[in-house]
């Protein structure tokens, strides 16, 4: 529990000091695949926006920009370094050249259907396209802001 308190305190300091801009680099780094608290930061920033302590339109824009930058950087890294890295180090985790070639053949055969399924039907973190990232960011921010505003209007309860 102490770690969670430190995480929240750190997020609070970052958001209060840098404002809505703080979500851009954190979400970009998270979208690349690094284990940083991007979603937690976004929820915390949404609470501040719901309280009126931060601009909601600015938060939406900076969250979207961070997600798009991270998605594109992750794609670029995979495109430039992915195959070489897998062929060089993949055998250590059981991904040999032969197995990698089978995966490529399967992808050529079923790639479009796989991408379609991953983008639109999977509830896992495979939903990371530009439009989907934007919708997720907008949805999270609006839901949290709505409940914060609702609780302020009703005196601390979500229901009337």
C-alpha atoms as a PDB file:
ATOM      1  CA  UNK A   1       0.000   0.000   0.000  1.00  0.00           C
ATOM      2  CA  UNK A   2       2.891   2.339   0.688  1.00  0.00           C
ATOM      3  CA  UNK A   3       4.056   1.964  -2.927  1.00  0.00           C
ATOM      4  CA  UNK A   4       0.633   3.046  -4.188  1.00  0.00           C
ATOM      5  CA  UNK A   5       0.751   6.128  -1.972  1.00  0.00           C
ATOM      6  CA  UNK A   6       4.189   7.044  -3.317  1.00  0.00           C
ATOM      7  CA  UNK A   7       3.005   6.492  -6.886  1.00  0.00           C
ATOM      8  CA  UNK A   8      -0.021   8.741  -6.395  1.00  0.00           C
ATOM      9  CA  UNK A   9       2.097  11.420  -4.714  1.00  0.00           C
ATOM     10  CA  UNK A  10       4.566  11.303  -7.600  1.00  0.00           C
ATOM     11  CA  UNK A  11       1.780  11.552 -10.166  1.00  0.00           C
ATOM     12  CA  UNK A  12       0.246  14.455  -8.300  1.00  0.00           C
ATOM     13  CA  UNK A  13       3.525  16.359  -8.306  1.00  0.00           C
ATOM     14  CA  UNK A  14       4.082  15.738 -12.020  1.00  0.00           C
ATOM     15  CA  UNK A  15       0.562  16.764 -13.041  1.00  0.00           C
ATOM     16  CA  UNK A  16       0.397  19.784 -10.761  1.00  0.00           C
ATOM     17  CA  UNK A  17       3.799  21.030 -11.942  1.00  0.00           C
ATOM     18  CA  UNK A  18       3.499  20.388 -15.703  1.00  0.00           C
ATOM     19  CA  UNK A  19      -0.283  20.385 -16.140  1.00  0.00           C
ATOM     20  CA  UNK A  20      -1.984  18.581 -19.017  1.00  0.00           C
ATOM     21  CA  UNK A  21       1.301  18.428 -20.912  1.00  0.00           C
ATOM     22  CA  UNK A  22       2.585  15.862 -18.366  1.00  0.00           C
ATOM     23  CA  UNK A  23       0.381  13.122 -19.807  1.00  0.00           C
ATOM     24  CA  UNK A  24       1.970  13.319 -23.279  1.00  0.00           C
ATOM     25  CA  UNK A  25       5.418  11.828 -22.574  1.00  0.00           C
ATOM     26  CA  UNK A  26       4.123   9.362 -19.961  1.00  0.00           C
ATOM     27  CA  UNK A  27       1.414   7.993 -22.281  1.00  0.00           C
ATOM     28  CA  UNK A  28       3.882   7.879 -25.175  1.00  0.00           C
ATOM     29  CA  UNK A  29       6.385   5.876 -23.129  1.00  0.00           C
ATOM     30  CA  UNK A  30       3.621   3.557 -21.928  1.00  0.00           C
ATOM     31  CA  UNK A  31       2.311   3.026 -25.474  1.00  0.00           C
ATOM     32  CA  UNK A  32       5.777   1.905 -26.565  1.00  0.00           C
ATOM     33  CA  UNK A  33       5.547  -0.827 -23.948  1.00  0.00           C
ATOM     34  CA  UNK A  34       7.468   0.499 -20.964  1.00  0.00           C
ATOM     35  CA  UNK A  35       5.928  -0.217 -17.550  1.00  0.00           C
ATOM     36  CA  UNK A  36       5.037   3.335 -16.532  1.00  0.00           C
ATOM     37  CA  UNK A  37       1.761   4.401 -14.863  1.00  0.00           C
ATOM     38  CA  UNK A  38       0.204   6.091 -17.890  1.00  0.00           C
ATOM     39  CA  UNK A  39      -3.375   5.039 -17.250  1.00  0.00           C
ATOM     40  CA  UNK A  40      -3.103   5.952 -13.571  1.00  0.00           C
ATOM     41  CA  UNK A  41      -1.739   9.360 -14.539  1.00  0.00           C
ATOM     42  CA  UNK A  42      -4.586   9.836 -17.001  1.00  0.00           C
ATOM     43  CA  UNK A  43      -7.200   8.979 -14.389  1.00  0.00           C
ATOM     44  CA  UNK A  44      -5.600  11.321 -11.867  1.00  0.00           C
ATOM     45  CA  UNK A  45      -5.459  14.129 -14.447  1.00  0.00           C
ATOM     46  CA  UNK A  46      -9.115  13.417 -15.277  1.00  0.00           C
ATOM     47  CA  UNK A  47     -10.029  13.923 -11.638  1.00  0.00           C
ATOM     48  CA  UNK A  48      -8.284  17.289 -11.705  1.00  0.00           C
ATOM     49  CA  UNK A  49     -10.134  18.197 -14.906  1.00  0.00           C
ATOM     50  CA  UNK A  50     -13.415  17.163 -13.306  1.00  0.00           C
ATOM     51  CA  UNK A  51     -12.687  19.477 -10.390  1.00  0.00           C
ATOM     52  CA  UNK A  52     -11.926  22.306 -12.779  1.00  0.00           C
ATOM     53  CA  UNK A  53      -8.246  22.415 -11.785  1.00  0.00           C
ATOM     54  CA  UNK A  54      -7.107  21.514 -15.305  1.00  0.00           C
ATOM     55  CA  UNK A  55      -8.405  22.227 -18.776  1.00  0.00           C
ATOM     56  CA  UNK A  56     -10.394  19.254 -20.090  1.00  0.00           C
ATOM     57  CA  UNK A  57      -9.862  20.117 -23.798  1.00  0.00           C
ATOM     58  CA  UNK A  58      -6.103  20.461 -23.216  1.00  0.00           C
ATOM     59  CA  UNK A  59      -6.035  17.133 -21.383  1.00  0.00           C
ATOM     60  CA  UNK A  60      -7.898  15.432 -24.234  1.00  0.00           C
ATOM     61  CA  UNK A  61      -5.487  16.824 -26.809  1.00  0.00           C
ATOM     62  CA  UNK A  62      -2.308  16.019 -24.862  1.00  0.00           C
ATOM     63  CA  UNK A  63      -3.544  12.494 -24.021  1.00  0.00           C
ATOM     64  CA  UNK A  64      -4.334  11.813 -27.662  1.00  0.00           C
ATOM     65  CA  UNK A  65      -0.997  13.198 -28.845  1.00  0.00           C
ATOM     66  CA  UNK A  66       0.927  11.075 -26.332  1.00  0.00           C
ATOM     67  CA  UNK A  67      -0.929   7.907 -27.330  1.00  0.00           C
ATOM     68  CA  UNK A  68      -0.426   8.495 -31.043  1.00  0.00           C
ATOM     69  CA  UNK A  69       3.274   9.337 -30.654  1.00  0.00           C
ATOM     70  CA  UNK A  70       3.869   6.237 -28.534  1.00  0.00           C
ATOM     71  CA  UNK A  71       1.968   3.954 -30.909  1.00  0.00           C
ATOM     72  CA  UNK A  72       3.904   5.231 -33.889  1.00  0.00           C
ATOM     73  CA  UNK A  73       7.267   5.046 -32.112  1.00  0.00           C
ATOM     74  CA  UNK A  74       6.483   1.483 -31.030  1.00  0.00           C
ATOM     75  CA  UNK A  75       5.624   0.574 -34.623  1.00  0.00           C
ATOM     76  CA  UNK A  76       8.815   2.224 -35.901  1.00  0.00           C
ATOM     77  CA  UNK A  77      10.985   0.411 -33.354  1.00  0.00           C
ATOM     78  CA  UNK A  78       9.384  -2.908 -34.259  1.00  0.00           C
ATOM     79  CA  UNK A  79       9.695  -2.209 -37.964  1.00  0.00           C
ATOM     80  CA  UNK A  80      13.383  -1.238 -37.797  1.00  0.00           C
ATOM     81  CA  UNK A  81      14.678  -3.475 -34.994  1.00  0.00           C
ATOM     82  CA  UNK A  82      12.074  -6.225 -34.591  1.00  0.00           C
ATOM     83  CA  UNK A  83      13.226  -8.907 -37.011  1.00  0.00           C
ATOM     84  CA  UNK A  84      16.944  -8.408 -36.332  1.00  0.00           C
ATOM     85  CA  UNK A  85      16.368  -8.546 -32.581  1.00  0.00           C
ATOM     86  CA  UNK A  86      14.187 -11.657 -32.774  1.00  0.00           C
ATOM     87  CA  UNK A  87      16.680 -13.459 -34.981  1.00  0.00           C
ATOM     88  CA  UNK A  88      19.574 -12.476 -32.730  1.00  0.00           C
ATOM     89  CA  UNK A  89      18.040 -13.085 -29.287  1.00  0.00           C
ATOM     90  CA  UNK A  90      14.865 -15.065 -29.995  1.00  0.00           C
ATOM     91  CA  UNK A  91      16.452 -18.485 -29.512  1.00  0.00           C
ATOM     92  CA  UNK A  92      16.904 -17.650 -25.818  1.00  0.00           C
ATOM     93  CA  UNK A  93      13.115 -17.658 -25.416  1.00  0.00           C
ATOM     94  CA  UNK A  94      12.363 -20.435 -27.921  1.00  0.00           C
ATOM     95  CA  UNK A  95      11.789 -18.276 -30.983  1.00  0.00           C
ATOM     96  CA  UNK A  96      14.138 -19.772 -33.570  1.00  0.00           C
ATOM     97  CA  UNK A  97      14.435 -18.701 -37.201  1.00  0.00           C
ATOM     98  CA  UNK A  98      12.307 -21.662 -38.319  1.00  0.00           C
ATOM     99  CA  UNK A  99       9.547 -20.863 -35.853  1.00  0.00           C
ATOM    100  CA  UNK A 100       9.708 -17.171 -36.769  1.00  0.00           C
ATOM    101  CA  UNK A 101       9.339 -18.124 -40.457  1.00  0.00           C
ATOM    102  CA  UNK A 102       6.217 -20.182 -39.646  1.00  0.00           C
ATOM    103  CA  UNK A 103       4.759 -17.193 -37.827  1.00  0.00           C
ATOM    104  CA  UNK A 104       5.465 -15.022 -40.888  1.00  0.00           C
ATOM    105  CA  UNK A 105       3.758 -17.520 -43.217  1.00  0.00           C
ATOM    106  CA  UNK A 106       0.731 -17.612 -40.922  1.00  0.00           C
ATOM    107  CA  UNK A 107       0.691 -13.826 -40.830  1.00  0.00           C
ATOM    108  CA  UNK A 108       0.771 -13.579 -44.618  1.00  0.00           C
ATOM    109  CA  UNK A 109      -2.142 -15.999 -44.821  1.00  0.00           C
ATOM    110  CA  UNK A 110      -4.248 -14.659 -41.937  1.00  0.00           C
ATOM    111  CA  UNK A 111      -2.693 -11.249 -41.284  1.00  0.00           C
ATOM    112  CA  UNK A 112      -5.620  -9.070 -42.326  1.00  0.00           C
ATOM    113  CA  UNK A 113      -8.128 -11.103 -40.328  1.00  0.00           C
ATOM    114  CA  UNK A 114      -5.799 -11.146 -37.319  1.00  0.00           C
ATOM    115  CA  UNK A 115      -5.323  -7.390 -37.395  1.00  0.00           C
ATOM    116  CA  UNK A 116      -9.071  -6.863 -37.833  1.00  0.00           C
ATOM    117  CA  UNK A 117      -9.824  -9.124 -34.874  1.00  0.00           C
ATOM    118  CA  UNK A 118      -7.143  -7.549 -32.672  1.00  0.00           C
ATOM    119  CA  UNK A 119      -8.222  -4.017 -33.502  1.00  0.00           C
ATOM    120  CA  UNK A 120     -11.976  -4.322 -33.135  1.00  0.00           C
ATOM    121  CA  UNK A 121     -12.909  -7.408 -31.130  1.00  0.00           C
ATOM    122  CA  UNK A 122     -10.179  -8.054 -28.589  1.00  0.00           C
ATOM    123  CA  UNK A 123     -10.542  -6.482 -25.162  1.00  0.00           C
ATOM    124  CA  UNK A 124      -6.834  -6.867 -24.500  1.00  0.00           C
ATOM    125  CA  UNK A 125      -4.305  -4.064 -24.927  1.00  0.00           C
ATOM    126  CA  UNK A 126      -4.195  -4.765 -28.657  1.00  0.00           C
ATOM    127  CA  UNK A 127      -6.495  -1.823 -29.209  1.00  0.00           C
ATOM    128  CA  UNK A 128      -3.902   0.839 -29.843  1.00  0.00           C
ATOM    129  CA  UNK A 129      -4.599   2.454 -33.196  1.00  0.00           C
ATOM    130  CA  UNK A 130      -4.897   6.194 -33.563  1.00  0.00           C
ATOM    131  CA  UNK A 131      -8.698   6.266 -33.473  1.00  0.00           C
ATOM    132  CA  UNK A 132      -8.985   3.687 -30.714  1.00  0.00           C
ATOM    133  CA  UNK A 133      -6.373   5.443 -28.555  1.00  0.00           C
ATOM    134  CA  UNK A 134      -8.258   8.683 -28.959  1.00  0.00           C
ATOM    135  CA  UNK A 135     -11.588   7.082 -28.056  1.00  0.00           C
ATOM    136  CA  UNK A 136     -10.161   5.359 -24.993  1.00  0.00           C
ATOM    137  CA  UNK A 137      -8.547   8.569 -23.753  1.00  0.00           C
ATOM    138  CA  UNK A 138     -11.706  10.597 -24.362  1.00  0.00           C
ATOM    139  CA  UNK A 139     -13.882   7.950 -22.745  1.00  0.00           C
ATOM    140  CA  UNK A 140     -11.758   7.658 -19.609  1.00  0.00           C
ATOM    141  CA  UNK A 141     -11.456  11.383 -19.177  1.00  0.00           C
ATOM    142  CA  UNK A 142     -15.139  12.086 -19.759  1.00  0.00           C
ATOM    143  CA  UNK A 143     -16.360   9.300 -17.471  1.00  0.00           C
ATOM    144  CA  UNK A 144     -14.131  10.345 -14.583  1.00  0.00           C
ATOM    145  CA  UNK A 145     -14.908  14.047 -15.121  1.00  0.00           C
ATOM    146  CA  UNK A 146     -18.648  13.268 -15.236  1.00  0.00           C
ATOM    147  CA  UNK A 147     -18.579  11.373 -11.944  1.00  0.00           C
ATOM    148  CA  UNK A 148     -16.461  13.984 -10.209  1.00  0.00           C
ATOM    149  CA  UNK A 149     -18.804  16.747 -11.338  1.00  0.00           C
ATOM    150  CA  UNK A 150     -21.841  14.671 -10.392  1.00  0.00           C
ATOM    151  CA  UNK A 151     -20.434  14.041  -6.923  1.00  0.00           C
ATOM    152  CA  UNK A 152     -19.768  17.749  -6.446  1.00  0.00           C
ATOM    153  CA  UNK A 153     -23.322  18.611  -7.477  1.00  0.00           C
ATOM    154  CA  UNK A 154     -24.924  16.015  -5.218  1.00  0.00           C
ATOM    155  CA  UNK A 155     -22.777  16.679  -2.187  1.00  0.00           C
ATOM    156  CA  UNK A 156     -20.417  13.713  -2.367  1.00  0.00           C
ATOM    157  CA  UNK A 157     -22.609  10.863  -3.617  1.00  0.00           C
ATOM    158  CA  UNK A 158     -22.753   9.506  -7.149  1.00  0.00           C
ATOM    159  CA  UNK A 159     -26.535   8.870  -6.894  1.00  0.00           C
ATOM    160  CA  UNK A 160     -29.433  11.069  -5.900  1.00  0.00           C
END
